[in-house]
């Protein structure tokens, strides 16, 4: 249970749980990444720039975002922020001092980020709740933990467990129990739309249909598809939603029936559970931005001075996403 030290603590705790909730409306969700991942993306972009994939302007924009994110973070020290600003005056090169300085800064901050927040809550109680909640949630998501796991962990610690914890103690426990814990190894099954067979045959880890079924059963998964039964409520909600889109002239009347069938199929396959509050998960958000990044990289390479033919079909190319 939460032990409040100042009036903002319950709001901070509630906001932290809300940010990690899977059914939180998109406008209340977490849409930004943390300072350590921002620095990591900048270093990766700098390497891509050296390889001729990204323009200097693109890297400078990312560097500007990095400086903004770091500047707003309360647990970075003034010398650290000053060092970061100094190293971002030019595009870091992989063999340069700025690159290694940023690497060291990221490693140092990542190692004790939650402990910094623990100290901040202990030394100077926060009057605001949004910044601490967003910073802590973003950092743990950037570390690779799922929003579902983190939501359950924090909800249990804050509202279920009988022992009392201050926000400072909560950050310390999260650091020892989650952030610094050794990573687990997982076997991941990846589906291919087209066969990756080459002249030398299939990859060593390739599984055919029979082996996939065996692997799923061995891993405790059912091989029988589970479809949700469509109810009257699903049909009514879908019909109302499609009609609203047609009246707003977002969907043409000729497409109304087809869209209704698509939405009902998504209900049946449990892809969605409502049409009122669609929400993109944190993982999906990062995935979509990754796709956009590669589209932009392909677009950059098709322009002077590279003038390389793009591998992306014209209708899917970057200008269509402006």
C-alpha atoms as a PDB file:
ATOM      1  CA  UNK A   1       0.000   0.000   0.000  1.00  0.00           C
ATOM      2  CA  UNK A   2       1.110   3.555  -0.665  1.00  0.00           C
ATOM      3  CA  UNK A   3       2.328   5.594   2.284  1.00  0.00           C
ATOM      4  CA  UNK A   4       1.817   9.235   1.346  1.00  0.00           C
ATOM      5  CA  UNK A   5       4.398  11.785   2.428  1.00  0.00           C
ATOM      6  CA  UNK A   6       2.923  14.779   0.625  1.00  0.00           C
ATOM      7  CA  UNK A   7      -0.439  15.523  -1.054  1.00  0.00           C
ATOM      8  CA  UNK A   8       0.859  14.851  -4.587  1.00  0.00           C
ATOM      9  CA  UNK A   9       1.923  11.246  -3.835  1.00  0.00           C
ATOM     10  CA  UNK A  10      -1.497   9.549  -4.359  1.00  0.00           C
ATOM     11  CA  UNK A  11      -1.923  11.381  -7.678  1.00  0.00           C
ATOM     12  CA  UNK A  12       1.579  10.377  -8.820  1.00  0.00           C
ATOM     13  CA  UNK A  13       0.889   6.739  -7.914  1.00  0.00           C
ATOM     14  CA  UNK A  14      -2.493   6.708  -9.654  1.00  0.00           C
ATOM     15  CA  UNK A  15      -1.073   8.371 -12.750  1.00  0.00           C
ATOM     16  CA  UNK A  16       1.796   5.863 -12.913  1.00  0.00           C
ATOM     17  CA  UNK A  17      -0.664   2.953 -12.863  1.00  0.00           C
ATOM     18  CA  UNK A  18      -2.916   4.689 -15.400  1.00  0.00           C
ATOM     19  CA  UNK A  19      -0.050   5.312 -17.841  1.00  0.00           C
ATOM     20  CA  UNK A  20       0.757   1.589 -17.837  1.00  0.00           C
ATOM     21  CA  UNK A  21      -2.854   0.421 -18.150  1.00  0.00           C
ATOM     22  CA  UNK A  22      -3.790  -1.384 -21.353  1.00  0.00           C
ATOM     23  CA  UNK A  23      -7.266   0.186 -21.497  1.00  0.00           C
ATOM     24  CA  UNK A  24      -6.215   3.770 -20.806  1.00  0.00           C
ATOM     25  CA  UNK A  25      -7.636   6.160 -23.472  1.00  0.00           C
ATOM     26  CA  UNK A  26      -5.011   7.281 -25.988  1.00  0.00           C
ATOM     27  CA  UNK A  27      -5.118  10.910 -24.825  1.00  0.00           C
ATOM     28  CA  UNK A  28      -4.163   9.790 -21.294  1.00  0.00           C
ATOM     29  CA  UNK A  29      -1.492   7.364 -22.469  1.00  0.00           C
ATOM     30  CA  UNK A  30       2.279   7.586 -22.585  1.00  0.00           C
ATOM     31  CA  UNK A  31       3.490   8.803 -25.994  1.00  0.00           C
ATOM     32  CA  UNK A  32       7.093   9.733 -25.228  1.00  0.00           C
ATOM     33  CA  UNK A  33      10.261   7.769 -24.567  1.00  0.00           C
ATOM     34  CA  UNK A  34      12.714   8.311 -21.733  1.00  0.00           C
ATOM     35  CA  UNK A  35      16.008  10.143 -21.694  1.00  0.00           C
ATOM     36  CA  UNK A  36      18.261   7.057 -21.905  1.00  0.00           C
ATOM     37  CA  UNK A  37      16.468   5.632 -24.963  1.00  0.00           C
ATOM     38  CA  UNK A  38      16.477   9.083 -26.587  1.00  0.00           C
ATOM     39  CA  UNK A  39      20.278   9.230 -26.258  1.00  0.00           C
ATOM     40  CA  UNK A  40      20.560   5.661 -27.592  1.00  0.00           C
ATOM     41  CA  UNK A  41      18.451   6.568 -30.649  1.00  0.00           C
ATOM     42  CA  UNK A  42      20.613   9.629 -31.264  1.00  0.00           C
ATOM     43  CA  UNK A  43      23.781   7.520 -31.230  1.00  0.00           C
ATOM     44  CA  UNK A  44      22.184   5.027 -33.615  1.00  0.00           C
ATOM     45  CA  UNK A  45      21.074   7.835 -35.915  1.00  0.00           C
ATOM     46  CA  UNK A  46      24.607   9.281 -35.881  1.00  0.00           C
ATOM     47  CA  UNK A  47      25.965   5.933 -37.060  1.00  0.00           C
ATOM     48  CA  UNK A  48      23.298   5.806 -39.774  1.00  0.00           C
ATOM     49  CA  UNK A  49      24.345   9.300 -40.881  1.00  0.00           C
ATOM     50  CA  UNK A  50      27.960   8.159 -41.272  1.00  0.00           C
ATOM     51  CA  UNK A  51      26.737   5.275 -43.437  1.00  0.00           C
ATOM     52  CA  UNK A  52      24.889   7.703 -45.696  1.00  0.00           C
ATOM     53  CA  UNK A  53      21.425   6.584 -44.594  1.00  0.00           C
ATOM     54  CA  UNK A  54      20.260   9.689 -42.699  1.00  0.00           C
ATOM     55  CA  UNK A  55      20.928  13.319 -43.514  1.00  0.00           C
ATOM     56  CA  UNK A  56      22.676  15.633 -41.079  1.00  0.00           C
ATOM     57  CA  UNK A  57      19.460  17.632 -40.736  1.00  0.00           C
ATOM     58  CA  UNK A  58      17.559  14.563 -39.527  1.00  0.00           C
ATOM     59  CA  UNK A  59      20.211  13.832 -36.899  1.00  0.00           C
ATOM     60  CA  UNK A  60      20.226  17.455 -35.744  1.00  0.00           C
ATOM     61  CA  UNK A  61      16.456  17.353 -35.237  1.00  0.00           C
ATOM     62  CA  UNK A  62      16.863  14.239 -33.122  1.00  0.00           C
ATOM     63  CA  UNK A  63      19.673  15.903 -31.175  1.00  0.00           C
ATOM     64  CA  UNK A  64      17.392  18.855 -30.488  1.00  0.00           C
ATOM     65  CA  UNK A  65      14.699  16.496 -29.184  1.00  0.00           C
ATOM     66  CA  UNK A  66      17.304  14.751 -27.046  1.00  0.00           C
ATOM     67  CA  UNK A  67      18.364  18.052 -25.477  1.00  0.00           C
ATOM     68  CA  UNK A  68      14.714  18.935 -24.783  1.00  0.00           C
ATOM     69  CA  UNK A  69      13.915  15.583 -23.127  1.00  0.00           C
ATOM     70  CA  UNK A  70      17.062  15.700 -20.997  1.00  0.00           C
ATOM     71  CA  UNK A  71      16.530  19.340 -20.076  1.00  0.00           C
ATOM     72  CA  UNK A  72      13.068  18.597 -18.659  1.00  0.00           C
ATOM     73  CA  UNK A  73      14.192  15.579 -16.635  1.00  0.00           C
ATOM     74  CA  UNK A  74      14.406  16.589 -12.943  1.00  0.00           C
ATOM     75  CA  UNK A  75      16.785  13.812 -11.886  1.00  0.00           C
ATOM     76  CA  UNK A  76      19.583  14.670 -14.299  1.00  0.00           C
ATOM     77  CA  UNK A  77      22.137  16.911 -12.627  1.00  0.00           C
ATOM     78  CA  UNK A  78      23.028  20.339 -13.981  1.00  0.00           C
ATOM     79  CA  UNK A  79      26.570  19.203 -14.939  1.00  0.00           C
ATOM     80  CA  UNK A  80      25.080  16.236 -16.843  1.00  0.00           C
ATOM     81  CA  UNK A  81      22.676  18.485 -18.738  1.00  0.00           C
ATOM     82  CA  UNK A  82      25.495  20.931 -19.488  1.00  0.00           C
ATOM     83  CA  UNK A  83      27.695  18.076 -20.757  1.00  0.00           C
ATOM     84  CA  UNK A  84      24.909  16.778 -22.979  1.00  0.00           C
ATOM     85  CA  UNK A  85      24.244  20.212 -24.469  1.00  0.00           C
ATOM     86  CA  UNK A  86      27.946  20.677 -25.153  1.00  0.00           C
ATOM     87  CA  UNK A  87      28.267  17.307 -26.914  1.00  0.00           C
ATOM     88  CA  UNK A  88      25.207  18.032 -29.062  1.00  0.00           C
ATOM     89  CA  UNK A  89      26.625  21.190 -30.625  1.00  0.00           C
ATOM     90  CA  UNK A  90      27.700  19.062 -33.593  1.00  0.00           C
ATOM     91  CA  UNK A  91      26.612  15.688 -34.961  1.00  0.00           C
ATOM     92  CA  UNK A  92      28.424  12.987 -32.929  1.00  0.00           C
ATOM     93  CA  UNK A  93      30.729  10.693 -34.885  1.00  0.00           C
ATOM     94  CA  UNK A  94      31.206   7.067 -33.854  1.00  0.00           C
ATOM     95  CA  UNK A  95      34.961   7.588 -33.445  1.00  0.00           C
ATOM     96  CA  UNK A  96      34.690  10.977 -31.764  1.00  0.00           C
ATOM     97  CA  UNK A  97      34.816  12.125 -28.170  1.00  0.00           C
ATOM     98  CA  UNK A  98      31.194  13.345 -28.196  1.00  0.00           C
ATOM     99  CA  UNK A  99      29.910   9.900 -29.160  1.00  0.00           C
ATOM    100  CA  UNK A 100      31.734   8.137 -26.328  1.00  0.00           C
ATOM    101  CA  UNK A 101      30.821  10.866 -23.846  1.00  0.00           C
ATOM    102  CA  UNK A 102      27.136  10.427 -24.675  1.00  0.00           C
ATOM    103  CA  UNK A 103      27.502   6.650 -24.384  1.00  0.00           C
ATOM    104  CA  UNK A 104      29.030   6.982 -20.915  1.00  0.00           C
ATOM    105  CA  UNK A 105      26.376   9.493 -19.836  1.00  0.00           C
ATOM    106  CA  UNK A 106      23.590   7.173 -20.978  1.00  0.00           C
ATOM    107  CA  UNK A 107      25.124   4.186 -19.160  1.00  0.00           C
ATOM    108  CA  UNK A 108      25.539   6.155 -15.947  1.00  0.00           C
ATOM    109  CA  UNK A 109      22.004   7.534 -15.969  1.00  0.00           C
ATOM    110  CA  UNK A 110      20.435   4.200 -16.921  1.00  0.00           C
ATOM    111  CA  UNK A 111      22.267   2.361 -14.119  1.00  0.00           C
ATOM    112  CA  UNK A 112      20.722   4.354 -11.258  1.00  0.00           C
ATOM    113  CA  UNK A 113      17.816   6.228 -12.856  1.00  0.00           C
ATOM    114  CA  UNK A 114      15.162   4.877 -10.463  1.00  0.00           C
ATOM    115  CA  UNK A 115      17.449   5.434  -7.479  1.00  0.00           C
ATOM    116  CA  UNK A 116      17.712   9.075  -8.538  1.00  0.00           C
ATOM    117  CA  UNK A 117      13.929   9.321  -8.383  1.00  0.00           C
ATOM    118  CA  UNK A 118      13.948   7.577  -5.014  1.00  0.00           C
ATOM    119  CA  UNK A 119      16.329  10.217  -3.720  1.00  0.00           C
ATOM    120  CA  UNK A 120      14.302  13.018  -5.311  1.00  0.00           C
ATOM    121  CA  UNK A 121      11.117  11.882  -3.551  1.00  0.00           C
ATOM    122  CA  UNK A 122      13.012  11.587  -0.267  1.00  0.00           C
ATOM    123  CA  UNK A 123      14.907  14.883  -0.359  1.00  0.00           C
ATOM    124  CA  UNK A 124      12.478  17.247  -2.052  1.00  0.00           C
ATOM    125  CA  UNK A 125       8.829  16.074  -2.252  1.00  0.00           C
ATOM    126  CA  UNK A 126       7.333  16.782  -5.678  1.00  0.00           C
ATOM    127  CA  UNK A 127       4.502  19.270  -6.032  1.00  0.00           C
ATOM    128  CA  UNK A 128       3.628  17.900  -9.466  1.00  0.00           C
ATOM    129  CA  UNK A 129       2.662  14.329 -10.323  1.00  0.00           C
ATOM    130  CA  UNK A 130       2.742  14.110 -14.131  1.00  0.00           C
ATOM    131  CA  UNK A 131       6.505  14.399 -14.722  1.00  0.00           C
ATOM    132  CA  UNK A 132       7.574  11.767 -12.152  1.00  0.00           C
ATOM    133  CA  UNK A 133       4.925   9.287 -13.307  1.00  0.00           C
ATOM    134  CA  UNK A 134       5.781   9.704 -16.997  1.00  0.00           C
ATOM    135  CA  UNK A 135       9.541   9.544 -16.426  1.00  0.00           C
ATOM    136  CA  UNK A 136       9.407   6.374 -14.334  1.00  0.00           C
ATOM    137  CA  UNK A 137       6.936   4.624 -16.660  1.00  0.00           C
ATOM    138  CA  UNK A 138       8.888   5.572 -19.793  1.00  0.00           C
ATOM    139  CA  UNK A 139      12.201   4.396 -18.315  1.00  0.00           C
ATOM    140  CA  UNK A 140      10.875   0.934 -17.404  1.00  0.00           C
ATOM    141  CA  UNK A 141       9.118   0.534 -20.753  1.00  0.00           C
ATOM    142  CA  UNK A 142      12.349   1.554 -22.500  1.00  0.00           C
ATOM    143  CA  UNK A 143      14.122  -1.183 -20.535  1.00  0.00           C
ATOM    144  CA  UNK A 144      11.952  -3.695 -22.394  1.00  0.00           C
ATOM    145  CA  UNK A 145       9.252  -4.526 -19.866  1.00  0.00           C
ATOM    146  CA  UNK A 146       5.667  -4.781 -21.103  1.00  0.00           C
ATOM    147  CA  UNK A 147       3.009  -2.335 -19.974  1.00  0.00           C
ATOM    148  CA  UNK A 148       0.875  -5.288 -18.820  1.00  0.00           C
ATOM    149  CA  UNK A 149       3.604  -6.618 -16.516  1.00  0.00           C
ATOM    150  CA  UNK A 150       4.473  -3.180 -15.102  1.00  0.00           C
ATOM    151  CA  UNK A 151       0.822  -2.267 -14.576  1.00  0.00           C
ATOM    152  CA  UNK A 152       0.250  -5.425 -12.550  1.00  0.00           C
ATOM    153  CA  UNK A 153       3.451  -4.983 -10.525  1.00  0.00           C
ATOM    154  CA  UNK A 154       2.818  -1.367  -9.542  1.00  0.00           C
ATOM    155  CA  UNK A 155      -0.888  -1.939  -8.909  1.00  0.00           C
ATOM    156  CA  UNK A 156      -0.085  -4.777  -6.532  1.00  0.00           C
ATOM    157  CA  UNK A 157       2.590  -2.807  -4.670  1.00  0.00           C
ATOM    158  CA  UNK A 158       0.506   0.359  -4.402  1.00  0.00           C
ATOM    159  CA  UNK A 159      -2.990  -0.964  -3.754  1.00  0.00           C
ATOM    160  CA  UNK A 160      -2.941  -4.677  -2.832  1.00  0.00           C
ATOM    161  CA  UNK A 161       0.084  -5.626  -0.722  1.00  0.00           C
ATOM    162  CA  UNK A 162      -0.492  -4.967   3.016  1.00  0.00           C
ATOM    163  CA  UNK A 163       2.944  -3.432   3.682  1.00  0.00           C
ATOM    164  CA  UNK A 164       3.263   0.345   3.327  1.00  0.00           C
ATOM    165  CA  UNK A 165       5.668   1.865   0.810  1.00  0.00           C
ATOM    166  CA  UNK A 166       6.556   5.486   0.132  1.00  0.00           C
ATOM    167  CA  UNK A 167       7.220   6.513  -3.467  1.00  0.00           C
ATOM    168  CA  UNK A 168      10.912   6.623  -2.599  1.00  0.00           C
ATOM    169  CA  UNK A 169      10.843   3.039  -1.326  1.00  0.00           C
ATOM    170  CA  UNK A 170       8.761   1.985  -4.329  1.00  0.00           C
ATOM    171  CA  UNK A 171      11.440   3.295  -6.723  1.00  0.00           C
ATOM    172  CA  UNK A 172      14.163   1.504  -4.763  1.00  0.00           C
ATOM    173  CA  UNK A 173      12.244  -1.774  -4.879  1.00  0.00           C
ATOM    174  CA  UNK A 174      11.494  -1.344  -8.593  1.00  0.00           C
ATOM    175  CA  UNK A 175      15.193  -0.785  -9.207  1.00  0.00           C
ATOM    176  CA  UNK A 176      16.261  -3.954  -7.378  1.00  0.00           C
ATOM    177  CA  UNK A 177      13.353  -6.191  -8.391  1.00  0.00           C
ATOM    178  CA  UNK A 178      12.878  -5.094 -12.009  1.00  0.00           C
ATOM    179  CA  UNK A 179      15.317  -2.630 -13.581  1.00  0.00           C
ATOM    180  CA  UNK A 180      18.603  -4.265 -12.561  1.00  0.00           C
ATOM    181  CA  UNK A 181      17.406  -7.847 -12.764  1.00  0.00           C
ATOM    182  CA  UNK A 182      19.242 -10.141 -15.187  1.00  0.00           C
ATOM    183  CA  UNK A 183      17.363 -10.460 -18.504  1.00  0.00           C
ATOM    184  CA  UNK A 184      15.420 -13.640 -19.247  1.00  0.00           C
ATOM    185  CA  UNK A 185      15.941 -15.653 -22.413  1.00  0.00           C
ATOM    186  CA  UNK A 186      12.858 -16.366 -24.524  1.00  0.00           C
ATOM    187  CA  UNK A 187      12.112 -18.467 -27.585  1.00  0.00           C
ATOM    188  CA  UNK A 188      10.127 -16.389 -30.073  1.00  0.00           C
ATOM    189  CA  UNK A 189       8.097 -17.763 -32.977  1.00  0.00           C
ATOM    190  CA  UNK A 190       8.103 -15.385 -35.959  1.00  0.00           C
ATOM    191  CA  UNK A 191       5.680 -15.878 -38.850  1.00  0.00           C
ATOM    192  CA  UNK A 192       6.747 -15.133 -42.441  1.00  0.00           C
ATOM    193  CA  UNK A 193       4.341 -14.093 -45.179  1.00  0.00           C
ATOM    194  CA  UNK A 194       6.699 -15.487 -47.817  1.00  0.00           C
ATOM    195  CA  UNK A 195       9.134 -18.360 -47.593  1.00  0.00           C
ATOM    196  CA  UNK A 196      12.725 -17.220 -46.804  1.00  0.00           C
ATOM    197  CA  UNK A 197      14.214 -20.177 -48.666  1.00  0.00           C
ATOM    198  CA  UNK A 198      17.433 -19.374 -50.523  1.00  0.00           C
ATOM    199  CA  UNK A 199      19.786 -21.309 -52.789  1.00  0.00           C
ATOM    200  CA  UNK A 200      21.302 -22.941 -49.709  1.00  0.00           C
ATOM    201  CA  UNK A 201      17.901 -23.930 -48.323  1.00  0.00           C
ATOM    202  CA  UNK A 202      15.943 -22.746 -45.299  1.00  0.00           C
ATOM    203  CA  UNK A 203      17.559 -21.086 -42.253  1.00  0.00           C
ATOM    204  CA  UNK A 204      18.744 -23.512 -39.563  1.00  0.00           C
ATOM    205  CA  UNK A 205      15.973 -22.496 -37.152  1.00  0.00           C
ATOM    206  CA  UNK A 206      13.187 -22.786 -39.735  1.00  0.00           C
ATOM    207  CA  UNK A 207      10.080 -24.709 -38.603  1.00  0.00           C
ATOM    208  CA  UNK A 208       7.545 -26.240 -40.974  1.00  0.00           C
ATOM    209  CA  UNK A 209       3.832 -26.474 -40.112  1.00  0.00           C
ATOM    210  CA  UNK A 210       4.167 -29.788 -38.261  1.00  0.00           C
ATOM    211  CA  UNK A 211       7.097 -28.566 -36.165  1.00  0.00           C
ATOM    212  CA  UNK A 212       5.290 -25.297 -35.385  1.00  0.00           C
ATOM    213  CA  UNK A 213       2.283 -27.241 -34.084  1.00  0.00           C
ATOM    214  CA  UNK A 214       4.619 -29.404 -31.987  1.00  0.00           C
ATOM    215  CA  UNK A 215       6.446 -26.334 -30.633  1.00  0.00           C
ATOM    216  CA  UNK A 216       3.177 -24.612 -29.683  1.00  0.00           C
ATOM    217  CA  UNK A 217       1.881 -27.679 -27.846  1.00  0.00           C
ATOM    218  CA  UNK A 218       5.219 -28.162 -26.054  1.00  0.00           C
ATOM    219  CA  UNK A 219       5.169 -24.473 -24.993  1.00  0.00           C
ATOM    220  CA  UNK A 220       1.680 -24.766 -23.550  1.00  0.00           C
ATOM    221  CA  UNK A 221      -0.242 -23.035 -26.349  1.00  0.00           C
ATOM    222  CA  UNK A 222      -3.448 -24.309 -27.871  1.00  0.00           C
ATOM    223  CA  UNK A 223      -3.358 -25.035 -31.596  1.00  0.00           C
ATOM    224  CA  UNK A 224      -7.120 -24.608 -31.918  1.00  0.00           C
ATOM    225  CA  UNK A 225      -8.187 -21.083 -32.957  1.00  0.00           C
ATOM    226  CA  UNK A 226     -10.448 -19.343 -30.432  1.00  0.00           C
ATOM    227  CA  UNK A 227     -12.954 -16.969 -31.990  1.00  0.00           C
ATOM    228  CA  UNK A 228     -15.162 -14.661 -29.980  1.00  0.00           C
ATOM    229  CA  UNK A 229     -18.898 -15.079 -30.362  1.00  0.00           C
ATOM    230  CA  UNK A 230     -20.452 -12.018 -31.967  1.00  0.00           C
ATOM    231  CA  UNK A 231     -23.263 -10.546 -29.887  1.00  0.00           C
ATOM    232  CA  UNK A 232     -26.044  -8.067 -30.670  1.00  0.00           C
ATOM    233  CA  UNK A 233     -24.043  -5.406 -28.828  1.00  0.00           C
ATOM    234  CA  UNK A 234     -21.093  -5.936 -31.196  1.00  0.00           C
ATOM    235  CA  UNK A 235     -23.351  -5.542 -34.229  1.00  0.00           C
ATOM    236  CA  UNK A 236     -25.086  -2.432 -32.853  1.00  0.00           C
ATOM    237  CA  UNK A 237     -21.806  -0.779 -31.842  1.00  0.00           C
ATOM    238  CA  UNK A 238     -20.269  -1.536 -35.248  1.00  0.00           C
ATOM    239  CA  UNK A 239     -23.322  -0.258 -37.139  1.00  0.00           C
ATOM    240  CA  UNK A 240     -23.441   2.994 -35.155  1.00  0.00           C
ATOM    241  CA  UNK A 241     -19.720   3.556 -35.583  1.00  0.00           C
ATOM    242  CA  UNK A 242     -19.782   3.012 -39.354  1.00  0.00           C
ATOM    243  CA  UNK A 243     -22.853   5.241 -39.749  1.00  0.00           C
ATOM    244  CA  UNK A 244     -21.091   8.011 -37.838  1.00  0.00           C
ATOM    245  CA  UNK A 245     -18.079   7.721 -40.144  1.00  0.00           C
ATOM    246  CA  UNK A 246     -20.344   7.870 -43.206  1.00  0.00           C
ATOM    247  CA  UNK A 247     -22.204  10.942 -41.907  1.00  0.00           C
ATOM    248  CA  UNK A 248     -18.858  12.644 -41.263  1.00  0.00           C
ATOM    249  CA  UNK A 249     -17.911  11.797 -44.885  1.00  0.00           C
ATOM    250  CA  UNK A 250     -14.860   9.850 -43.681  1.00  0.00           C
ATOM    251  CA  UNK A 251     -16.198   6.676 -45.306  1.00  0.00           C
ATOM    252  CA  UNK A 252     -18.089   6.533 -48.591  1.00  0.00           C
ATOM    253  CA  UNK A 253     -21.539   4.944 -48.595  1.00  0.00           C
ATOM    254  CA  UNK A 254     -20.302   2.209 -50.954  1.00  0.00           C
ATOM    255  CA  UNK A 255     -17.624   1.200 -48.428  1.00  0.00           C
ATOM    256  CA  UNK A 256     -19.957   1.135 -45.427  1.00  0.00           C
ATOM    257  CA  UNK A 257     -20.913  -2.535 -45.667  1.00  0.00           C
ATOM    258  CA  UNK A 258     -17.332  -3.665 -46.266  1.00  0.00           C
ATOM    259  CA  UNK A 259     -16.072  -1.680 -43.268  1.00  0.00           C
ATOM    260  CA  UNK A 260     -18.814  -3.174 -41.087  1.00  0.00           C
ATOM    261  CA  UNK A 261     -17.669  -6.678 -42.037  1.00  0.00           C
ATOM    262  CA  UNK A 262     -14.017  -5.806 -41.298  1.00  0.00           C
ATOM    263  CA  UNK A 263     -14.846  -4.457 -37.826  1.00  0.00           C
ATOM    264  CA  UNK A 264     -16.997  -7.474 -36.963  1.00  0.00           C
ATOM    265  CA  UNK A 265     -14.156  -9.754 -38.063  1.00  0.00           C
ATOM    266  CA  UNK A 266     -11.796  -7.871 -35.736  1.00  0.00           C
ATOM    267  CA  UNK A 267     -14.296  -8.337 -32.897  1.00  0.00           C
ATOM    268  CA  UNK A 268     -14.533 -12.046 -33.673  1.00  0.00           C
ATOM    269  CA  UNK A 269     -10.736 -12.475 -33.730  1.00  0.00           C
ATOM    270  CA  UNK A 270     -10.433 -10.394 -30.530  1.00  0.00           C
ATOM    271  CA  UNK A 271      -8.257  -7.803 -32.242  1.00  0.00           C
ATOM    272  CA  UNK A 272     -10.453  -5.075 -30.721  1.00  0.00           C
ATOM    273  CA  UNK A 273     -12.962  -5.040 -27.871  1.00  0.00           C
ATOM    274  CA  UNK A 274     -14.668  -1.713 -28.624  1.00  0.00           C
ATOM    275  CA  UNK A 275     -14.891   1.001 -31.280  1.00  0.00           C
ATOM    276  CA  UNK A 276     -15.192   3.971 -28.934  1.00  0.00           C
ATOM    277  CA  UNK A 277     -11.728   4.195 -27.362  1.00  0.00           C
ATOM    278  CA  UNK A 278      -9.168   2.658 -29.745  1.00  0.00           C
ATOM    279  CA  UNK A 279      -5.699   2.683 -28.185  1.00  0.00           C
ATOM    280  CA  UNK A 280      -2.286   1.884 -29.551  1.00  0.00           C
ATOM    281  CA  UNK A 281      -0.049   0.030 -27.124  1.00  0.00           C
ATOM    282  CA  UNK A 282       3.422   1.328 -26.308  1.00  0.00           C
ATOM    283  CA  UNK A 283       4.998  -1.502 -28.292  1.00  0.00           C
ATOM    284  CA  UNK A 284       2.810  -0.800 -31.339  1.00  0.00           C
ATOM    285  CA  UNK A 285       3.633   2.904 -31.063  1.00  0.00           C
ATOM    286  CA  UNK A 286       7.388   2.228 -31.166  1.00  0.00           C
ATOM    287  CA  UNK A 287       6.897  -0.272 -34.004  1.00  0.00           C
ATOM    288  CA  UNK A 288       4.998   2.249 -36.147  1.00  0.00           C
ATOM    289  CA  UNK A 289       7.668   4.897 -35.568  1.00  0.00           C
ATOM    290  CA  UNK A 290      10.326   2.367 -36.593  1.00  0.00           C
ATOM    291  CA  UNK A 291       8.498   1.778 -39.886  1.00  0.00           C
ATOM    292  CA  UNK A 292       8.306   5.533 -40.478  1.00  0.00           C
ATOM    293  CA  UNK A 293      12.016   5.880 -39.706  1.00  0.00           C
ATOM    294  CA  UNK A 294      12.944   3.302 -42.343  1.00  0.00           C
ATOM    295  CA  UNK A 295      10.625   4.945 -44.879  1.00  0.00           C
ATOM    296  CA  UNK A 296      12.396   8.237 -44.192  1.00  0.00           C
ATOM    297  CA  UNK A 297      15.807   6.562 -44.508  1.00  0.00           C
ATOM    298  CA  UNK A 298      14.830   5.115 -47.898  1.00  0.00           C
ATOM    299  CA  UNK A 299      13.590   8.542 -48.990  1.00  0.00           C
ATOM    300  CA  UNK A 300      16.857  10.211 -47.919  1.00  0.00           C
ATOM    301  CA  UNK A 301      18.911   7.732 -49.951  1.00  0.00           C
ATOM    302  CA  UNK A 302      16.835   8.412 -53.079  1.00  0.00           C
ATOM    303  CA  UNK A 303      17.806  12.107 -53.022  1.00  0.00           C
ATOM    304  CA  UNK A 304      21.089  13.873 -53.870  1.00  0.00           C
ATOM    305  CA  UNK A 305      23.904  13.218 -53.345  1.00  0.00           C
ATOM    306  CA  UNK A 306      23.034   9.481 -53.118  1.00  0.00           C
ATOM    307  CA  UNK A 307      20.375   9.184 -55.870  1.00  0.00           C
ATOM    308  CA  UNK A 308      19.856   5.508 -55.139  1.00  0.00           C
ATOM    309  CA  UNK A 309      16.719   3.754 -56.407  1.00  0.00           C
ATOM    310  CA  UNK A 310      14.208   3.230 -53.636  1.00  0.00           C
ATOM    311  CA  UNK A 311      13.131  -0.299 -52.706  1.00  0.00           C
ATOM    312  CA  UNK A 312       9.788   1.060 -51.451  1.00  0.00           C
ATOM    313  CA  UNK A 313       6.813   1.051 -53.822  1.00  0.00           C
ATOM    314  CA  UNK A 314       5.836   4.612 -54.777  1.00  0.00           C
ATOM    315  CA  UNK A 315       2.375   4.412 -53.188  1.00  0.00           C
ATOM    316  CA  UNK A 316       3.958   3.444 -49.857  1.00  0.00           C
ATOM    317  CA  UNK A 317       6.963   5.803 -50.046  1.00  0.00           C
ATOM    318  CA  UNK A 318       7.696   8.559 -47.521  1.00  0.00           C
ATOM    319  CA  UNK A 319       6.021  11.535 -49.316  1.00  0.00           C
ATOM    320  CA  UNK A 320       2.633   9.770 -48.995  1.00  0.00           C
ATOM    321  CA  UNK A 321       3.036   9.943 -45.209  1.00  0.00           C
ATOM    322  CA  UNK A 322       3.657  13.705 -44.975  1.00  0.00           C
END
